[in-house]
Each structure stands twice: as C-alpha cells, then as structure tokens.
Amino acid sequence: MEHKTINGAGGAVHYWISRPKETSKRAIVFTHGVTADHTMFEKQVDYFEKEYTVITWDVPLHGLSVDYRDFSFANTAKDLNSILEQENVESAALVGMSLGGYPSQMFAHMYPQKAQCFIALDTTPFGKKYYSKFDMWCLSKVKPMARMFTDKALRKIMAKSISLTDYSYNKMLEILASMTKAQIIEQMDVAYGKFALENRDIELKCPVLILLGDKDKTGKVTQYCWAWAKNTGYPLHIIENASHFSNGDNAEQVNKEIAEFLDSLGRKVEHED
C-alpha cells in the first residue's frame, strides 16, 4: 500500500491506499479502534485489495497521526472526506471497528452521498436512547482506572480483553509497543470523552450491517449492538469464535460477511437499474 498524508483539521493525518490493477469504482475504507492503528486491518487489506480501492488510516491521535490537535469526531469525518477527495474517490463502503465506528458514522451522517454503506464491526451507535447517565459516567472514569495499572499490566490486559487468538493478542501488543503508557491513556480518555460530548441522534441513510463477535466482552458492546439492531432493523450477524477484535480472531468469516453484504448491494443496484 502507498503511504500518504493530508493536512487535516487538527494536523497531519496519515493513510494508506491500494488500488486494483483493473480500474474499479468500488472503494472501501477501514477505520480502526482506540489505541490501535491501520495495521489492525491487514487481513482485510489482503482479501479486498484485488477488487477494491482499499484505504486504511491512522485515525487522529493514533499511530503516525498522534500529534493531532483539536480532536473531534466531526473533524475526523472532515479529514476522511479530505482523503477521499485527494484520491478522487467519489464514494466508499465504510468499515468501522470499535471506536472506528464513530468517525464512520459521523462521515455517513455529514456526507451521505459519499457513504455507500456502513459495516459496524464490534462498535456501538450514535444516539441518546442507547446510553444511560451511568454509561456516560463510566466513560469519564476510563483515565483514572487505566492509571491504576502498571505499564506492562495495562498493555497485557488491553490486548487480552479484546482477543481470543494469538494473532489478535500479539497484533495489539505490537501496536501498543510504539506508545508510552501516557499516550495510551490519553487516547482512551480523549476519544471516549469526545464521544460522550458529541453523542446525539443522527440519521444514517446508507445500508448498515452490524457484525459482532460471539465472545465480545468489551464493556456493553454486545448489549448496545442488539438494541441497535432491534431499534433500527439493521441486520446483525454473529462472528463465531471471536472477541472484540473479531476481524483478527476470525478474519475468514468477517471478510466473507463484508464481501457478501457489498455484493448484495451491488446486485440491488443492478436490479433497480
């Protein structure tokens, strides 16, 4: 993949792009979770890059985009739009993992004509109805709770809590190794704190698919996903033998689910034409 940058709303934002040998208008953007980076989707890039223009990026505050200032999910949506404009990509399918679901949803809300669909991967919805005051209070306590652990323990706990396989566990440790404990905690605090501030009811006009690891024990993600599906009618598919990092634990099924969903949308368009 080719490494590029844009001058984002709060600083330099790094991204990677791969285009298929044969010209294709199909594009897919993968957005990673908190304290992670673009390499979280290496198994998806390998699978989709032959047929799709694939974009991964280090979300502001993360990876090589760590020096970003004035973080907000509205700004991340603007930054993603700048990436698509720089690459002349008119629209794309959006895949957001965990925290990555928030920039994806905000982008789909702010630029509905550019969002072909949204695939919610072990993430949760924007919307006041889903979260209690206690839920929001818990988010405000992420920073002091994280500080209680030693550096080594914090990294191991974070990696273990989201993974079932050695691959996912080691991949998360590899990503965390490039950061200090202070940076890890700051990413968690700012990102989740901003969600609490920016959370509101938004409308997604594009098709949505929810994917959820059957062993996902991160917070109340499972509860939120079921409520999201029930409230909206969005399909919810369970990823077997997978924790929160389901696209690492069971990449084969996740890739298949994404591919089948995108293919179904393509067949729908052809039928309407």
C-alpha atoms as a PDB file:
ATOM      1  CA  MET A   1       0.000   0.000   0.000  1.00  0.00           C
ATOM      2  CA  GLU A   2       1.112   3.558  -0.683  1.00  0.00           C
ATOM      3  CA  HIS A   3       1.598   5.775   2.357  1.00  0.00           C
ATOM      4  CA  LYS A   4       0.246   9.312   2.035  1.00  0.00           C
ATOM      5  CA  THR A   5      -0.858  12.228   4.205  1.00  0.00           C
ATOM      6  CA  ILE A   6      -3.379  15.043   4.221  1.00  0.00           C
ATOM      7  CA  ASN A   7      -3.329  18.280   6.177  1.00  0.00           C
ATOM      8  CA  GLY A   8      -6.281  17.539   8.441  1.00  0.00           C
ATOM      9  CA  ALA A   9      -8.413  19.831  10.581  1.00  0.00           C
ATOM     10  CA  GLY A  10      -6.032  19.331  13.520  1.00  0.00           C
ATOM     11  CA  GLY A  11      -2.767  18.379  11.851  1.00  0.00           C
ATOM     12  CA  ALA A  12      -1.232  15.751   9.599  1.00  0.00           C
ATOM     13  CA  VAL A  13      -3.326  12.614   9.068  1.00  0.00           C
ATOM     14  CA  HIS A  14      -1.616   9.533   7.635  1.00  0.00           C
ATOM     15  CA  TYR A  15      -3.319   6.999   5.407  1.00  0.00           C
ATOM     16  CA  TRP A  16      -2.517   4.088   3.105  1.00  0.00           C
ATOM     17  CA  ILE A  17      -4.128   3.262  -0.212  1.00  0.00           C
ATOM     18  CA  SER A  18      -4.066   0.327  -2.597  1.00  0.00           C
ATOM     19  CA  ARG A  19      -5.757   0.306  -5.995  1.00  0.00           C
ATOM     20  CA  PRO A  20      -6.594  -2.832  -8.012  1.00  0.00           C
ATOM     21  CA  LYS A  21      -4.759  -3.422 -11.282  1.00  0.00           C
ATOM     22  CA  GLU A  22      -8.028  -3.232 -13.195  1.00  0.00           C
ATOM     23  CA  THR A  23      -9.896   0.078 -12.927  1.00  0.00           C
ATOM     24  CA  SER A  24     -12.722  -0.122 -10.423  1.00  0.00           C
ATOM     25  CA  LYS A  25     -15.051   2.436  -8.840  1.00  0.00           C
ATOM     26  CA  ARG A  26     -15.516   0.227  -5.795  1.00  0.00           C
ATOM     27  CA  ALA A  27     -13.768   1.524  -2.695  1.00  0.00           C
ATOM     28  CA  ILE A  28     -13.683   0.514   0.944  1.00  0.00           C
ATOM     29  CA  VAL A  29     -12.356   2.425   3.966  1.00  0.00           C
ATOM     30  CA  PHE A  30     -11.310   0.619   7.149  1.00  0.00           C
ATOM     31  CA  THR A  31     -11.230   2.637  10.386  1.00  0.00           C
ATOM     32  CA  HIS A  32      -9.531   1.107  13.444  1.00  0.00           C
ATOM     33  CA  GLY A  33     -10.352   1.143  17.158  1.00  0.00           C
ATOM     34  CA  VAL A  34      -8.970   3.139  20.076  1.00  0.00           C
ATOM     35  CA  THR A  35      -5.221   2.820  20.808  1.00  0.00           C
ATOM     36  CA  ALA A  36      -4.810   0.836  17.563  1.00  0.00           C
ATOM     37  CA  ASP A  37      -3.641   1.813  14.079  1.00  0.00           C
ATOM     38  CA  HIS A  38      -4.213   0.971  10.421  1.00  0.00           C
ATOM     39  CA  THR A  39      -2.410  -2.395  10.671  1.00  0.00           C
ATOM     40  CA  MET A  40      -5.401  -3.774  12.572  1.00  0.00           C
ATOM     41  CA  PHE A  41      -6.913  -4.494   9.135  1.00  0.00           C
ATOM     42  CA  GLU A  42      -4.014  -6.248   7.421  1.00  0.00           C
ATOM     43  CA  LYS A  43      -6.077  -9.420   6.934  1.00  0.00           C
ATOM     44  CA  GLN A  44      -8.852  -7.393   5.312  1.00  0.00           C
ATOM     45  CA  VAL A  45      -6.472  -5.494   3.051  1.00  0.00           C
ATOM     46  CA  ASP A  46      -5.026  -8.748   1.734  1.00  0.00           C
ATOM     47  CA  TYR A  47      -8.521 -10.034   0.987  1.00  0.00           C
ATOM     48  CA  PHE A  48     -10.082  -6.989  -0.695  1.00  0.00           C
ATOM     49  CA  GLU A  49      -7.238  -5.151  -2.444  1.00  0.00           C
ATOM     50  CA  LYS A  50      -7.501  -7.153  -5.673  1.00  0.00           C
ATOM     51  CA  GLU A  51     -11.009  -5.905  -6.413  1.00  0.00           C
ATOM     52  CA  TYR A  52     -11.371  -2.706  -4.398  1.00  0.00           C
ATOM     53  CA  THR A  53      -9.558   0.529  -3.857  1.00  0.00           C
ATOM     54  CA  VAL A  54      -8.686  -0.010  -0.190  1.00  0.00           C
ATOM     55  CA  ILE A  55      -7.953   2.813   2.225  1.00  0.00           C
ATOM     56  CA  THR A  56      -6.769   2.429   5.802  1.00  0.00           C
ATOM     57  CA  TRP A  57      -5.705   5.295   8.023  1.00  0.00           C
ATOM     58  CA  ASP A  58      -4.273   6.187  11.387  1.00  0.00           C
ATOM     59  CA  VAL A  59      -7.188   7.989  12.995  1.00  0.00           C
ATOM     60  CA  PRO A  60      -6.198  11.345  14.546  1.00  0.00           C
ATOM     61  CA  LEU A  61      -4.348  10.883  17.875  1.00  0.00           C
ATOM     62  CA  HIS A  62      -3.284   7.368  16.792  1.00  0.00           C
ATOM     63  CA  GLY A  63      -0.328   5.809  15.011  1.00  0.00           C
ATOM     64  CA  LEU A  64       1.551   8.302  12.877  1.00  0.00           C
ATOM     65  CA  SER A  65      -1.318  10.790  13.301  1.00  0.00           C
ATOM     66  CA  VAL A  66      -0.568  11.039  17.026  1.00  0.00           C
ATOM     67  CA  ASP A  67       0.370  14.743  17.017  1.00  0.00           C
ATOM     68  CA  TYR A  68      -3.143  15.796  16.010  1.00  0.00           C
ATOM     69  CA  ARG A  69      -4.822  18.634  17.943  1.00  0.00           C
ATOM     70  CA  ASP A  70      -8.469  19.601  18.458  1.00  0.00           C
ATOM     71  CA  PHE A  71      -9.764  16.041  18.135  1.00  0.00           C
ATOM     72  CA  SER A  72     -13.474  15.590  17.472  1.00  0.00           C
ATOM     73  CA  PHE A  73     -15.497  13.083  15.507  1.00  0.00           C
ATOM     74  CA  ALA A  74     -16.800  15.863  13.288  1.00  0.00           C
ATOM     75  CA  ASN A  75     -13.182  16.703  12.461  1.00  0.00           C
ATOM     76  CA  THR A  76     -12.338  13.054  11.756  1.00  0.00           C
ATOM     77  CA  ALA A  77     -15.246  12.962   9.295  1.00  0.00           C
ATOM     78  CA  LYS A  78     -13.898  16.079   7.570  1.00  0.00           C
ATOM     79  CA  ASP A  79     -10.435  14.506   7.447  1.00  0.00           C
ATOM     80  CA  LEU A  80     -11.779  11.321   5.892  1.00  0.00           C
ATOM     81  CA  ASN A  81     -13.593  13.411   3.310  1.00  0.00           C
ATOM     82  CA  SER A  82     -10.322  15.178   2.505  1.00  0.00           C
ATOM     83  CA  ILE A  83      -8.646  11.795   1.978  1.00  0.00           C
ATOM     84  CA  LEU A  84     -11.366  10.696  -0.452  1.00  0.00           C
ATOM     85  CA  GLU A  85     -11.189  13.997  -2.307  1.00  0.00           C
ATOM     86  CA  GLN A  86      -7.405  13.791  -2.592  1.00  0.00           C
ATOM     87  CA  GLU A  87      -7.736  10.285  -4.065  1.00  0.00           C
ATOM     88  CA  ASN A  88     -10.687  11.195  -6.326  1.00  0.00           C
ATOM     89  CA  VAL A  89     -12.860   8.574  -4.650  1.00  0.00           C
ATOM     90  CA  GLU A  90     -16.482   9.666  -5.087  1.00  0.00           C
ATOM     91  CA  SER A  91     -17.955   7.258  -2.543  1.00  0.00           C
ATOM     92  CA  ALA A  92     -16.889   4.307  -0.434  1.00  0.00           C
ATOM     93  CA  ALA A  93     -18.078   1.499   1.791  1.00  0.00           C
ATOM     94  CA  LEU A  94     -17.183   2.234   5.405  1.00  0.00           C
ATOM     95  CA  VAL A  95     -15.992  -0.387   7.884  1.00  0.00           C
ATOM     96  CA  GLY A  96     -15.526   0.901  11.431  1.00  0.00           C
ATOM     97  CA  MET A  97     -14.129  -1.288  14.213  1.00  0.00           C
ATOM     98  CA  SER A  98     -14.993  -0.347  17.824  1.00  0.00           C
ATOM     99  CA  LEU A  99     -14.112   3.353  18.222  1.00  0.00           C
ATOM    100  CA  GLY A 100     -13.622   3.449  14.448  1.00  0.00           C
ATOM    101  CA  GLY A 101     -17.366   3.168  14.113  1.00  0.00           C
ATOM    102  CA  TYR A 102     -17.788   6.738  15.344  1.00  0.00           C
ATOM    103  CA  PRO A 103     -15.764   8.537  12.629  1.00  0.00           C
ATOM    104  CA  SER A 104     -17.511   6.236  10.122  1.00  0.00           C
ATOM    105  CA  GLN A 105     -20.999   7.069  11.376  1.00  0.00           C
ATOM    106  CA  MET A 106     -20.212  10.775  11.568  1.00  0.00           C
ATOM    107  CA  PHE A 107     -18.890  10.704   7.998  1.00  0.00           C
ATOM    108  CA  ALA A 108     -22.013   8.891   6.771  1.00  0.00           C
ATOM    109  CA  HIS A 109     -24.137  11.492   8.555  1.00  0.00           C
ATOM    110  CA  MET A 110     -22.234  14.525   7.271  1.00  0.00           C
ATOM    111  CA  TYR A 111     -21.575  13.224   3.736  1.00  0.00           C
ATOM    112  CA  PRO A 112     -24.480  10.851   2.990  1.00  0.00           C
ATOM    113  CA  GLN A 113     -23.906  10.957  -0.760  1.00  0.00           C
ATOM    114  CA  LYS A 114     -20.390   9.584  -0.269  1.00  0.00           C
ATOM    115  CA  ALA A 115     -21.249   6.677   2.041  1.00  0.00           C
ATOM    116  CA  GLN A 116     -22.208   3.570   0.081  1.00  0.00           C
ATOM    117  CA  CYS A 117     -22.820   1.624   3.281  1.00  0.00           C
ATOM    118  CA  PHE A 118     -21.600   1.256   6.833  1.00  0.00           C
ATOM    119  CA  ILE A 119     -20.402  -2.009   8.355  1.00  0.00           C
ATOM    120  CA  ALA A 120     -20.373  -1.730  12.137  1.00  0.00           C
ATOM    121  CA  LEU A 121     -17.675  -4.057  13.431  1.00  0.00           C
ATOM    122  CA  ASP A 122     -17.915  -4.618  17.183  1.00  0.00           C
ATOM    123  CA  THR A 123     -18.890  -0.982  17.604  1.00  0.00           C
ATOM    124  CA  THR A 124     -21.834   0.940  19.023  1.00  0.00           C
ATOM    125  CA  PRO A 125     -24.273   3.536  17.713  1.00  0.00           C
ATOM    126  CA  PHE A 126     -24.576   7.246  17.987  1.00  0.00           C
ATOM    127  CA  GLY A 127     -27.868   8.036  19.702  1.00  0.00           C
ATOM    128  CA  LYS A 128     -29.018   9.326  23.081  1.00  0.00           C
ATOM    129  CA  LYS A 129     -31.508   6.496  23.618  1.00  0.00           C
ATOM    130  CA  TYR A 130     -28.852   3.793  23.892  1.00  0.00           C
ATOM    131  CA  TYR A 131     -26.778   5.139  26.778  1.00  0.00           C
ATOM    132  CA  SER A 132     -27.730   5.795  30.375  1.00  0.00           C
ATOM    133  CA  LYS A 133     -26.217   8.527  32.545  1.00  0.00           C
ATOM    134  CA  PHE A 134     -24.296   5.769  34.296  1.00  0.00           C
ATOM    135  CA  ASP A 135     -22.861   4.600  30.966  1.00  0.00           C
ATOM    136  CA  MET A 136     -21.592   8.104  30.256  1.00  0.00           C
ATOM    137  CA  TRP A 137     -20.185   8.380  33.787  1.00  0.00           C
ATOM    138  CA  CYS A 138     -18.239   5.157  33.268  1.00  0.00           C
ATOM    139  CA  LEU A 139     -16.617   6.621  30.159  1.00  0.00           C
ATOM    140  CA  SER A 140     -15.424   9.569  32.230  1.00  0.00           C
ATOM    141  CA  LYS A 141     -13.620   7.151  34.573  1.00  0.00           C
ATOM    142  CA  VAL A 142     -11.537   5.394  31.907  1.00  0.00           C
ATOM    143  CA  LYS A 143      -8.487   7.577  32.576  1.00  0.00           C
ATOM    144  CA  PRO A 144      -8.242   7.160  36.371  1.00  0.00           C
ATOM    145  CA  MET A 145      -8.958   3.422  36.107  1.00  0.00           C
ATOM    146  CA  ALA A 146      -6.240   2.920  33.491  1.00  0.00           C
ATOM    147  CA  ARG A 147      -3.732   4.788  35.652  1.00  0.00           C
ATOM    148  CA  MET A 148      -4.149   2.162  38.387  1.00  0.00           C
ATOM    149  CA  PHE A 149      -2.339  -0.471  36.308  1.00  0.00           C
ATOM    150  CA  THR A 150       1.380  -0.758  35.727  1.00  0.00           C
ATOM    151  CA  ASP A 151       2.582  -0.101  32.203  1.00  0.00           C
ATOM    152  CA  LYS A 152       3.143  -3.787  31.463  1.00  0.00           C
ATOM    153  CA  ALA A 153      -0.112  -4.921  33.056  1.00  0.00           C
ATOM    154  CA  LEU A 154      -2.164  -2.301  31.201  1.00  0.00           C
ATOM    155  CA  ARG A 155      -0.857  -3.435  27.817  1.00  0.00           C
ATOM    156  CA  LYS A 156      -1.452  -7.118  28.539  1.00  0.00           C
ATOM    157  CA  ILE A 157      -4.928  -6.531  29.914  1.00  0.00           C
ATOM    158  CA  MET A 158      -5.928  -4.402  26.935  1.00  0.00           C
ATOM    159  CA  ALA A 159      -4.637  -6.945  24.414  1.00  0.00           C
ATOM    160  CA  LYS A 160      -6.126  -9.916  26.243  1.00  0.00           C
ATOM    161  CA  SER A 161      -9.527  -8.324  26.773  1.00  0.00           C
ATOM    162  CA  ILE A 162     -10.199  -7.875  23.045  1.00  0.00           C
ATOM    163  CA  SER A 163      -8.726 -11.085  21.629  1.00  0.00           C
ATOM    164  CA  LEU A 164      -9.233 -14.854  21.530  1.00  0.00           C
ATOM    165  CA  THR A 165      -6.415 -15.814  19.191  1.00  0.00           C
ATOM    166  CA  ASP A 166      -2.657 -15.433  19.493  1.00  0.00           C
ATOM    167  CA  TYR A 167      -2.701 -13.386  16.304  1.00  0.00           C
ATOM    168  CA  SER A 168      -5.041 -10.728  17.710  1.00  0.00           C
ATOM    169  CA  TYR A 169      -3.305 -10.653  21.082  1.00  0.00           C
ATOM    170  CA  ASN A 170       0.156 -10.245  19.583  1.00  0.00           C
ATOM    171  CA  LYS A 171      -1.027  -7.735  16.988  1.00  0.00           C
ATOM    172  CA  MET A 172      -2.468  -5.499  19.698  1.00  0.00           C
ATOM    173  CA  LEU A 173       0.695  -5.770  21.800  1.00  0.00           C
ATOM    174  CA  GLU A 174       2.728  -4.895  18.704  1.00  0.00           C
ATOM    175  CA  ILE A 175       0.647  -1.756  18.128  1.00  0.00           C
ATOM    176  CA  LEU A 176       0.761  -0.699  21.779  1.00  0.00           C
ATOM    177  CA  ALA A 177       4.546  -1.149  21.893  1.00  0.00           C
ATOM    178  CA  SER A 178       5.082   2.051  19.919  1.00  0.00           C
ATOM    179  CA  MET A 179       3.330   4.171  22.563  1.00  0.00           C
ATOM    180  CA  THR A 180       4.023   5.240  26.111  1.00  0.00           C
ATOM    181  CA  LYS A 181       1.550   4.466  28.866  1.00  0.00           C
ATOM    182  CA  ALA A 182       0.643   8.149  28.991  1.00  0.00           C
ATOM    183  CA  GLN A 183      -0.162   8.206  25.273  1.00  0.00           C
ATOM    184  CA  ILE A 184      -2.342   5.095  25.564  1.00  0.00           C
ATOM    185  CA  ILE A 185      -4.346   6.592  28.421  1.00  0.00           C
ATOM    186  CA  GLU A 186      -4.652   9.951  26.668  1.00  0.00           C
ATOM    187  CA  GLN A 187      -6.043   8.310  23.528  1.00  0.00           C
ATOM    188  CA  MET A 188      -8.639   6.445  25.561  1.00  0.00           C
ATOM    189  CA  ASP A 189      -9.598   9.499  27.586  1.00  0.00           C
ATOM    190  CA  VAL A 190      -9.897  11.952  24.696  1.00  0.00           C
ATOM    191  CA  ALA A 191     -11.641   9.567  22.313  1.00  0.00           C
ATOM    192  CA  TYR A 192     -14.265   8.285  24.732  1.00  0.00           C
ATOM    193  CA  GLY A 193     -14.638  11.681  26.362  1.00  0.00           C
ATOM    194  CA  LYS A 194     -15.373  13.235  22.969  1.00  0.00           C
ATOM    195  CA  PHE A 195     -17.965  10.568  22.253  1.00  0.00           C
ATOM    196  CA  ALA A 196     -19.779  11.450  25.470  1.00  0.00           C
ATOM    197  CA  LEU A 197     -19.784  15.104  24.413  1.00  0.00           C
ATOM    198  CA  GLU A 198     -20.680  14.603  20.749  1.00  0.00           C
ATOM    199  CA  ASN A 199     -23.155  11.751  21.069  1.00  0.00           C
ATOM    200  CA  ARG A 200     -26.514  12.685  19.594  1.00  0.00           C
ATOM    201  CA  ASP A 201     -29.219  11.231  17.421  1.00  0.00           C
ATOM    202  CA  ILE A 202     -28.048  11.064  13.821  1.00  0.00           C
ATOM    203  CA  GLU A 203     -29.589   9.619  10.689  1.00  0.00           C
ATOM    204  CA  LEU A 204     -27.767   7.081   8.529  1.00  0.00           C
ATOM    205  CA  LYS A 205     -29.280   6.999   5.066  1.00  0.00           C
ATOM    206  CA  CYS A 206     -26.998   4.241   3.794  1.00  0.00           C
ATOM    207  CA  PRO A 207     -27.420   0.464   4.275  1.00  0.00           C
ATOM    208  CA  VAL A 208     -25.949  -0.806   7.553  1.00  0.00           C
ATOM    209  CA  LEU A 209     -24.705  -4.225   8.659  1.00  0.00           C
ATOM    210  CA  ILE A 210     -23.742  -4.948  12.272  1.00  0.00           C
ATOM    211  CA  LEU A 211     -21.072  -7.583  12.942  1.00  0.00           C
ATOM    212  CA  LEU A 212     -20.463  -8.787  16.489  1.00  0.00           C
ATOM    213  CA  GLY A 213     -18.017 -11.298  17.929  1.00  0.00           C
ATOM    214  CA  ASP A 214     -19.800 -14.030  19.875  1.00  0.00           C
ATOM    215  CA  LYS A 215     -17.275 -13.669  22.703  1.00  0.00           C
ATOM    216  CA  ASP A 216     -17.139  -9.859  22.733  1.00  0.00           C
ATOM    217  CA  LYS A 217     -16.998  -8.902  26.417  1.00  0.00           C
ATOM    218  CA  THR A 218     -15.822  -5.305  25.957  1.00  0.00           C
ATOM    219  CA  GLY A 219     -17.987  -3.029  28.065  1.00  0.00           C
ATOM    220  CA  LYS A 220     -21.620  -3.258  26.987  1.00  0.00           C
ATOM    221  CA  VAL A 221     -20.888  -3.535  23.263  1.00  0.00           C
ATOM    222  CA  THR A 222     -22.979  -6.692  22.866  1.00  0.00           C
ATOM    223  CA  GLN A 223     -25.958  -5.132  24.646  1.00  0.00           C
ATOM    224  CA  TYR A 224     -25.725  -1.960  22.566  1.00  0.00           C
ATOM    225  CA  CYS A 225     -25.476  -3.868  19.287  1.00  0.00           C
ATOM    226  CA  TRP A 226     -28.603  -5.907  19.978  1.00  0.00           C
ATOM    227  CA  ALA A 227     -30.506  -2.776  20.985  1.00  0.00           C
ATOM    228  CA  TRP A 228     -29.254  -1.009  17.845  1.00  0.00           C
ATOM    229  CA  ALA A 229     -30.429  -3.827  15.602  1.00  0.00           C
ATOM    230  CA  LYS A 230     -33.805  -4.049  17.351  1.00  0.00           C
ATOM    231  CA  ASN A 231     -34.410  -0.309  17.154  1.00  0.00           C
ATOM    232  CA  THR A 232     -33.404   0.126  13.507  1.00  0.00           C
ATOM    233  CA  GLY A 233     -33.986  -3.242  11.876  1.00  0.00           C
ATOM    234  CA  TYR A 234     -30.365  -3.377  10.753  1.00  0.00           C
ATOM    235  CA  PRO A 235     -29.179  -6.957  10.248  1.00  0.00           C
ATOM    236  CA  LEU A 236     -26.865  -8.235  12.983  1.00  0.00           C
ATOM    237  CA  HIS A 237     -24.582 -11.160  12.149  1.00  0.00           C
ATOM    238  CA  ILE A 238     -22.612 -13.008  14.791  1.00  0.00           C
ATOM    239  CA  ILE A 239     -18.937 -13.743  14.172  1.00  0.00           C
ATOM    240  CA  GLU A 240     -18.129 -17.137  15.641  1.00  0.00           C
ATOM    241  CA  ASN A 241     -15.137 -17.797  17.870  1.00  0.00           C
ATOM    242  CA  ALA A 242     -14.285 -14.115  18.070  1.00  0.00           C
ATOM    243  CA  SER A 243     -13.877 -11.487  20.749  1.00  0.00           C
ATOM    244  CA  HIS A 244     -13.909  -7.693  20.298  1.00  0.00           C
ATOM    245  CA  PHE A 245     -11.101  -7.823  17.714  1.00  0.00           C
ATOM    246  CA  SER A 246     -13.252 -10.116  15.593  1.00  0.00           C
ATOM    247  CA  ASN A 247     -11.635  -9.203  12.274  1.00  0.00           C
ATOM    248  CA  GLY A 248      -8.397 -10.589  13.700  1.00  0.00           C
ATOM    249  CA  ASP A 249      -9.851 -13.560  15.590  1.00  0.00           C
ATOM    250  CA  ASN A 250     -11.982 -14.772  12.687  1.00  0.00           C
ATOM    251  CA  ALA A 251     -10.876 -12.850   9.622  1.00  0.00           C
ATOM    252  CA  GLU A 252     -12.286 -15.510   7.298  1.00  0.00           C
ATOM    253  CA  GLN A 253     -15.878 -15.004   8.415  1.00  0.00           C
ATOM    254  CA  VAL A 254     -15.589 -11.237   8.761  1.00  0.00           C
ATOM    255  CA  ASN A 255     -14.204 -10.946   5.230  1.00  0.00           C
ATOM    256  CA  LYS A 256     -16.945 -13.196   3.913  1.00  0.00           C
ATOM    257  CA  GLU A 257     -19.657 -11.203   5.686  1.00  0.00           C
ATOM    258  CA  ILE A 258     -18.339  -7.921   4.326  1.00  0.00           C
ATOM    259  CA  ALA A 259     -17.943  -9.289   0.788  1.00  0.00           C
ATOM    260  CA  GLU A 260     -21.431 -10.805   0.712  1.00  0.00           C
ATOM    261  CA  PHE A 261     -23.001  -7.605   2.035  1.00  0.00           C
ATOM    262  CA  LEU A 262     -21.224  -5.481  -0.577  1.00  0.00           C
ATOM    263  CA  ASP A 263     -22.152  -7.938  -3.323  1.00  0.00           C
ATOM    264  CA  SER A 264     -25.806  -7.849  -2.258  1.00  0.00           C
ATOM    265  CA  LEU A 265     -25.818  -4.074  -2.515  1.00  0.00           C
ATOM    266  CA  GLY A 266     -24.285  -4.318  -5.976  1.00  0.00           C
ATOM    267  CA  ARG A 267     -26.960  -6.766  -7.099  1.00  0.00           C
ATOM    268  CA  LYS A 268     -29.646  -4.464  -5.703  1.00  0.00           C
ATOM    269  CA  VAL A 269     -28.340  -1.522  -7.726  1.00  0.00           C
ATOM    270  CA  GLU A 270     -28.205  -3.629 -10.892  1.00  0.00           C
ATOM    271  CA  HIS A 271     -31.769  -4.818 -10.291  1.00  0.00           C
ATOM    272  CA  GLU A 272     -33.017  -1.248  -9.797  1.00  0.00           C
ATOM    273  CA  ASP A 273     -31.269  -0.142 -12.995  1.00  0.00           C
END
